[in-house]
Protein backbone atom coordinates (compact mmCIF):
# COMPACT_ATOMS: atom_id res chain seq x y z
CA MET A 1 0.07 0.01 -0.05
CA LYS A 2 1.29 3.52 -0.79
CA THR A 3 2.38 5.69 2.02
CA SER A 4 2.30 9.12 0.27
CA LYS A 5 -0.44 11.41 -1.22
CA ASN A 6 -3.05 10.38 1.40
CA THR A 7 -5.14 12.08 3.86
CA VAL A 8 -4.66 10.64 7.22
CA LEU A 9 -6.41 11.22 10.38
CA ILE A 10 -4.50 10.38 13.59
CA THR A 11 -6.35 10.36 16.95
CA GLY A 12 -4.23 11.18 19.98
CA GLY A 13 -1.70 12.77 17.54
CA SER A 14 0.00 15.70 19.88
CA ALA A 15 2.43 13.55 21.65
CA GLY A 16 4.16 10.16 21.61
CA ILE A 17 3.57 7.59 18.86
CA GLY A 18 0.94 9.74 17.34
CA PHE A 19 3.21 12.74 16.99
CA GLU A 20 5.81 10.77 15.60
CA MET A 21 3.45 9.05 13.16
CA ALA A 22 2.14 12.61 12.13
CA LYS A 23 5.72 13.83 11.64
CA LEU A 24 6.70 10.90 9.51
CA MET A 25 3.57 10.97 7.34
CA LEU A 26 3.98 14.58 6.61
CA ALA A 27 7.50 14.00 5.43
CA LYS A 28 6.13 11.64 2.93
CA GLY A 29 3.89 14.05 1.33
CA ASN A 30 0.64 13.28 3.01
CA LYS A 31 -2.16 15.51 4.25
CA VAL A 32 -2.40 14.84 8.01
CA ILE A 33 -5.10 15.65 10.57
CA ILE A 34 -4.24 15.06 14.33
CA THR A 35 -6.72 15.01 17.15
CA GLY A 36 -6.32 15.48 21.06
CA ARG A 37 -8.17 16.48 24.10
CA ASP A 38 -5.39 19.11 25.24
CA GLU A 39 -5.65 22.28 23.29
CA LYS A 40 -2.04 23.52 24.20
CA LYS A 41 -0.47 20.13 23.16
CA LEU A 42 -1.95 20.28 20.02
CA ASN A 43 -0.93 23.92 19.48
CA ASP A 44 2.65 22.94 20.51
CA ALA A 45 2.49 19.95 18.05
CA ALA A 46 1.25 22.39 15.26
CA ALA A 47 4.32 24.57 15.94
CA LYS A 48 6.46 21.69 15.26
CA LEU A 49 4.68 20.03 12.40
CA LYS A 50 4.60 22.44 9.41
CA GLY A 51 1.44 21.86 7.51
CA VAL A 52 -0.45 19.56 10.20
CA ILE A 53 -4.25 20.06 10.78
CA THR A 54 -5.48 20.14 14.26
CA VAL A 55 -8.75 19.26 15.84
CA LYS A 56 -9.46 19.46 19.53
CA SER A 57 -11.56 16.22 20.20
CA ASP A 58 -11.90 13.64 22.88
CA VAL A 59 -12.41 10.28 21.52
CA SER A 60 -14.23 9.08 24.49
CA ASP A 61 -17.00 11.90 24.02
CA GLU A 62 -19.71 10.96 21.53
CA LYS A 63 -21.05 14.37 20.96
CA GLU A 64 -17.29 15.43 20.10
CA MET A 65 -16.81 12.47 17.76
CA ASP A 66 -20.09 13.56 15.88
CA VAL A 67 -18.59 16.97 15.32
CA LEU A 68 -15.22 15.62 14.15
CA VAL A 69 -16.72 13.12 11.69
CA ALA A 70 -19.03 15.92 10.44
CA LYS A 71 -15.94 18.17 10.11
CA ILE A 72 -13.91 15.42 8.24
CA ASN A 73 -16.80 14.64 5.75
CA ALA A 74 -17.45 18.54 5.04
CA GLU A 75 -13.77 19.52 4.81
CA HIS A 76 -11.58 16.33 4.09
CA PRO A 77 -13.66 14.12 2.03
CA ASP A 78 -10.80 12.56 0.66
CA LEU A 79 -9.83 10.84 3.96
CA ASN A 80 -8.45 7.58 3.22
CA ILE A 81 -6.61 6.36 6.28
CA LEU A 82 -7.77 6.29 9.88
CA ILE A 83 -5.19 5.65 12.54
CA ASN A 84 -6.73 4.79 16.11
CA ASN A 85 -3.87 5.72 18.24
CA ALA A 86 -5.60 7.56 21.27
CA GLY A 87 -5.05 5.63 24.47
CA ARG A 88 -5.27 5.68 28.29
CA ALA A 89 -3.78 3.51 30.80
CA VAL A 90 -3.60 3.44 34.67
CA VAL A 91 -1.39 1.81 37.20
CA TYR A 92 -3.10 0.14 39.86
CA SER A 93 -3.67 -3.10 41.86
CA LEU A 94 -6.80 -5.50 41.01
CA LEU A 95 -6.71 -6.03 44.75
CA ASN A 96 -6.99 -2.77 46.40
CA SER A 97 -10.63 -1.89 47.09
CA ASN A 98 -9.68 1.63 47.13
CA SER A 99 -8.38 1.98 43.58
CA LYS A 100 -11.62 1.84 42.04
CA VAL A 101 -11.15 -0.99 39.72
CA TYR A 102 -14.63 -0.89 37.86
CA ASP A 103 -14.28 3.02 37.18
CA ILE A 104 -10.77 2.79 35.94
CA ALA A 105 -11.38 -0.14 33.88
CA LYS A 106 -14.56 1.39 32.29
CA ASP A 107 -12.70 4.48 31.34
CA GLU A 108 -9.89 2.63 29.87
CA MET A 109 -12.16 0.41 27.71
CA GLN A 110 -14.19 3.53 26.50
CA THR A 111 -10.90 5.09 25.57
CA ASN A 112 -9.05 2.13 24.19
CA TYR A 113 -11.91 -0.14 22.80
CA PHE A 114 -15.24 1.50 22.37
CA SER A 115 -14.26 4.65 20.97
CA VAL A 116 -12.41 3.00 18.22
CA ILE A 117 -15.30 0.97 17.21
CA ARG A 118 -17.56 4.07 17.15
CA LEU A 119 -15.18 6.13 15.06
CA VAL A 120 -14.68 3.30 12.63
CA ASP A 121 -18.45 2.75 12.23
CA LYS A 122 -19.04 6.59 11.69
CA LEU A 123 -16.23 6.74 8.99
CA LEU A 124 -16.71 3.51 7.18
CA PRO A 125 -19.23 5.05 4.53
CA LEU A 126 -16.50 7.57 3.61
CA LEU A 127 -13.50 5.25 3.73
CA LYS A 128 -15.43 3.06 1.48
CA LYS A 129 -15.63 5.59 -1.21
CA GLN A 130 -11.84 5.74 -1.42
CA ILE A 131 -9.34 4.24 -3.80
CA ASN A 132 -6.54 3.35 -1.36
CA PRO A 133 -8.19 3.23 1.96
CA ALA A 134 -6.76 1.95 5.51
CA ILE A 135 -7.73 1.55 9.10
CA ILE A 136 -4.73 1.25 11.42
CA ASN A 137 -5.49 0.25 14.97
CA VAL A 138 -2.89 0.73 17.59
CA SER A 139 -2.78 -2.19 20.18
CA SER A 140 -0.07 -3.55 22.10
CA VAL A 141 2.09 -6.58 22.95
CA LEU A 142 -0.34 -6.70 26.09
CA ALA A 143 -3.07 -7.86 23.70
CA LEU A 144 -1.35 -11.22 23.68
CA ALA A 145 -0.64 -11.41 27.39
CA PRO A 146 -1.41 -9.10 30.47
CA GLY A 147 1.07 -6.89 32.19
CA ARG A 148 0.77 -5.05 35.32
CA ILE A 149 -1.60 -2.59 33.89
CA VAL A 150 -4.23 -5.11 33.63
CA THR A 151 -7.48 -3.59 32.39
CA TYR A 152 -5.34 -1.76 30.00
CA SER A 153 -4.18 -4.99 28.64
CA ALA A 154 -7.81 -6.46 28.64
CA SER A 155 -8.72 -3.17 26.44
CA LYS A 156 -5.98 -3.97 24.08
CA ALA A 157 -6.94 -7.76 23.83
CA ALA A 158 -10.39 -6.71 23.10
CA LEU A 159 -9.00 -4.26 20.29
CA HIS A 160 -6.97 -7.05 19.13
CA SER A 161 -9.89 -9.28 18.48
CA TYR A 162 -12.08 -6.71 17.09
CA THR A 163 -9.54 -5.72 14.66
CA GLN A 164 -9.02 -9.24 13.24
CA ALA A 165 -12.99 -9.57 12.87
CA LEU A 166 -13.16 -6.18 11.27
CA ARG A 167 -10.30 -7.13 8.72
CA MET A 168 -12.17 -10.42 7.85
CA SER A 169 -15.49 -8.64 7.52
CA LEU A 170 -14.22 -5.76 5.20
CA GLU A 171 -12.37 -8.25 3.14
CA GLU A 172 -15.70 -9.67 1.85
CA GLU A 173 -17.20 -6.33 0.98
CA SER A 174 -14.49 -3.52 0.40
CA ASN A 175 -10.99 -2.67 -0.44
CA ILE A 176 -10.20 -1.21 3.08
CA LYS A 177 -6.97 -2.78 4.31
CA VAL A 178 -7.04 -3.14 8.33
CA PHE A 179 -3.67 -2.95 9.88
CA GLU A 180 -2.94 -3.45 13.79
CA LEU A 181 0.24 -1.92 15.23
CA MET A 182 1.56 -3.77 18.21
CA PRO A 183 4.27 -1.89 19.97
CA PRO A 184 6.22 -3.11 23.00
CA LEU A 185 7.24 -0.65 25.81
CA VAL A 186 7.48 2.76 24.23
CA ASN A 187 8.97 5.83 26.01
CA THR A 188 6.02 8.32 25.98
CA GLU A 189 4.03 10.36 28.43
CA LEU A 190 1.46 7.49 28.49
CA SER A 191 3.98 5.02 29.96
CA LYS A 192 5.98 7.38 32.47
CA ASP A 193 4.40 5.42 35.60
CA ILE A 194 5.27 1.97 33.99
CA ASN A 195 8.92 2.29 33.57
CA GLY A 196 8.50 4.06 30.02
CA ALA A 197 12.06 5.56 30.23
CA THR A 198 13.44 2.09 29.25
CA GLY A 199 11.26 1.82 26.19
CA ILE A 200 12.04 2.34 22.57
CA HIS A 201 11.61 5.84 21.06
CA PRO A 202 8.19 6.39 19.53
CA SER A 203 9.81 7.43 16.25
CA ILE A 204 11.03 3.72 15.88
CA VAL A 205 7.27 2.69 16.08
CA ALA A 206 6.34 5.20 13.48
CA GLU A 207 8.88 3.96 11.19
CA GLU A 208 8.09 0.26 11.62
CA LEU A 209 4.31 1.26 10.92
CA VAL A 210 5.12 2.79 7.78
CA LYS A 211 7.35 -0.03 6.67
CA GLY A 212 4.59 -2.41 7.48
CA ILE A 213 2.00 -0.48 5.47
CA GLU A 214 4.28 -0.29 2.43
CA ASN A 215 4.72 -4.14 2.78
CA ASP A 216 1.14 -4.81 3.28
CA GLU A 217 2.01 -6.51 6.74
CA LEU A 218 -1.42 -6.43 8.52
CA GLU A 219 -0.21 -7.13 12.13
CA ILE A 220 3.02 -5.17 12.56
CA HIS A 221 4.94 -6.45 15.48
CA VAL A 222 7.51 -3.84 16.58
CA GLY A 223 10.76 -4.64 18.07
CA GLN A 224 10.39 -7.28 21.02
CA THR A 225 6.95 -7.87 20.13
CA ALA A 226 8.10 -10.12 17.43
CA ASP A 227 9.82 -12.34 19.77
CA PHE A 228 7.23 -12.58 22.57
CA HIS A 229 4.44 -13.36 19.79
CA LYS A 230 6.53 -16.44 18.90
CA MET A 231 6.88 -17.18 22.47
CA PHE A 232 3.33 -17.06 23.33
CA PHE A 233 2.20 -19.44 20.50
CA ALA A 234 5.02 -21.87 21.64
CA SER A 235 4.22 -21.76 25.57
CA PRO A 236 1.11 -19.55 26.39
CA ASN A 237 1.19 -20.04 30.14
CA GLU A 238 5.12 -19.40 30.39
CA ALA A 239 4.38 -16.25 28.17
CA VAL A 240 1.73 -14.95 30.28
CA ARG A 241 3.60 -15.37 33.58
CA ARG A 242 6.69 -13.88 32.11
CA MET A 243 4.88 -10.56 30.89
CA PHE A 244 2.94 -10.30 34.08
CA ASN A 245 6.05 -10.47 36.21
CA SER A 246 8.06 -8.47 34.18
CA ARG A 247 8.85 -4.90 35.06
CA LYS A 248 8.70 -3.67 31.55
CA VAL A 249 4.99 -3.49 30.39
CA SER A 250 3.90 -2.03 27.19
CA HIS A 251 2.64 1.10 25.41
């Protein structure tokens, strides 16, 4: 699939992996639209990303998503690539009743899973009209086995399953390609509380994404994810124990 002369929407594009994706996509001659909840971060990103289009929008808010979709249809009807990158992760214990397990899990699931389904559903009619369309969902190596950020891991496992089903469904009736990006631990603001400083730079993730798209690699395993994927299928129980007991978790 070609990675230039596209119109690309990246949720959560003002920092981290999303920012690096936007930077690389712009450099390759694409029109790039990024969203985010924080207007200051969006403005800071726009100052660094020449030509980027910003839209303040919270993926977990249905009304804001309706506004975003209307804006895309009206102003960017050539949109052909959707990158669902926005995410939320909270470090807490399942065994601590004071940590509000249900509330945190609900919030993570809304941002990391349900919001993706909603945005895909709303933009599918537009994407189906394009010549070179794609949906890219950013999950995690934790989609394979849970780490210490347990309900974040569960949300990414759900996203992984949904992405596979979406790919199979769209193959039957459209030319939309569905990619899944599975990073390991990445050094971003999102991962600062989970030993993120030891992770890979987000620019590496963006580079691997572009390479995977160009090679039509529908499930893109970045860095150590590739090795863990092999380990998981060789010995699932051992893989789960190793991931859960590791101090290194994931994006």
